[in-house]
Protein backbone atom coordinates (compact mmCIF):
# COMPACT_ATOMS: atom_id res chain seq x y z
CA MET A 1 21.95 23.58 -3.33
CA ILE A 2 18.85 24.32 -1.32
CA PHE A 3 17.27 22.83 1.77
CA LEU A 4 13.58 22.15 1.22
CA ASN A 5 10.66 22.88 3.49
CA LYS A 6 10.38 19.48 5.17
CA LEU A 7 6.66 19.51 5.90
CA ARG A 8 5.61 20.93 2.53
CA LEU A 9 7.55 18.33 0.63
CA ARG A 10 6.11 15.48 2.67
CA ASP A 11 2.58 16.92 2.39
CA LEU A 12 2.86 17.19 -1.40
CA ARG A 13 4.08 13.60 -1.61
CA GLU A 14 1.31 12.32 0.64
CA ASP A 15 -1.36 14.38 -1.17
CA HIS A 16 -0.35 12.52 -4.33
CA ASP A 17 -0.44 9.14 -2.50
CA MET A 18 3.21 8.54 -3.27
CA THR A 19 5.92 6.76 -1.33
CA LEU A 20 9.44 8.03 -0.81
CA GLN A 21 10.55 5.46 -3.40
CA ASP A 22 8.02 6.77 -5.94
CA VAL A 23 9.36 10.32 -5.70
CA ALA A 24 12.95 9.10 -5.78
CA LYS A 25 12.16 7.46 -9.13
CA VAL A 26 10.63 10.69 -10.46
CA LEU A 27 13.87 12.48 -9.55
CA GLY A 28 16.11 9.71 -10.86
CA THR A 29 17.81 9.27 -7.51
CA THR A 30 17.96 6.68 -4.75
CA LEU A 31 15.51 6.31 -1.89
CA GLN A 32 18.29 7.20 0.54
CA TYR A 33 19.08 10.48 -1.24
CA TYR A 34 15.44 11.49 -1.45
CA GLN A 35 14.90 10.71 2.25
CA LYS A 36 17.79 13.05 3.03
CA TYR A 37 16.23 15.81 0.90
CA GLU A 38 12.85 15.45 2.57
CA SER A 39 14.30 15.31 6.08
CA ARG A 40 16.57 18.31 5.38
CA VAL A 41 19.75 16.35 6.02
CA ARG A 42 21.02 17.03 2.50
CA PRO A 43 20.36 20.04 0.26
CA ILE A 44 18.63 19.41 -3.05
CA PRO A 45 20.08 20.61 -6.35
CA VAL A 46 18.03 23.33 -8.04
CA GLU A 47 17.42 21.06 -11.04
CA ARG A 48 15.68 18.49 -8.83
CA LEU A 49 13.67 21.21 -7.09
CA GLU A 50 12.41 22.33 -10.50
CA ILE A 51 11.47 18.74 -11.39
CA LEU A 52 9.43 18.45 -8.19
CA ALA A 53 7.64 21.77 -8.78
CA ASP A 54 6.70 20.73 -12.31
CA PHE A 55 5.67 17.25 -11.19
CA TYR A 56 3.45 18.52 -8.36
CA GLY A 57 2.10 21.43 -10.40
CA THR A 58 3.28 24.09 -7.99
CA SER A 59 6.05 26.66 -7.70
CA THR A 60 9.50 26.24 -6.22
CA ASP A 61 8.60 29.09 -3.85
CA TYR A 62 5.71 27.02 -2.47
CA ILE A 63 7.96 24.01 -1.89
CA LEU A 64 10.54 26.25 -0.21
CA GLY A 65 7.90 27.77 2.07
CA ARG A 66 8.25 31.27 0.61
CA THR A 67 4.56 31.52 -0.32
CA LEU A 68 1.27 30.02 0.76
CA VAL A 69 -0.02 30.05 -2.83
CA ARG A 70 0.05 26.49 -4.12
CA LYS A 71 -0.74 27.31 -7.75
CA PRO A 72 2.28 27.66 -10.04
CA TYR A 73 3.16 31.00 -11.52
CA PRO A 74 1.73 31.70 -14.98
CA LYS A 75 4.08 30.75 -17.79
CA LYS A 76 5.29 33.54 -20.05
């Protein structure tokens, strides 16, 4: 379980003109759970972090705030 970078996650969602409910649907979870992920109240499972990275076309490191590079890593 991992706590996400609160601002990055919100920025990605807003950049894609999505609501909290929209992203919750992408993850297959409830609005309440997703709100807790985004506000850092609840850690997110790695599997859901990977779904978000793929959905937004970025890396998990970017979402976690470990890099400023928004592009995903090249696939092998």
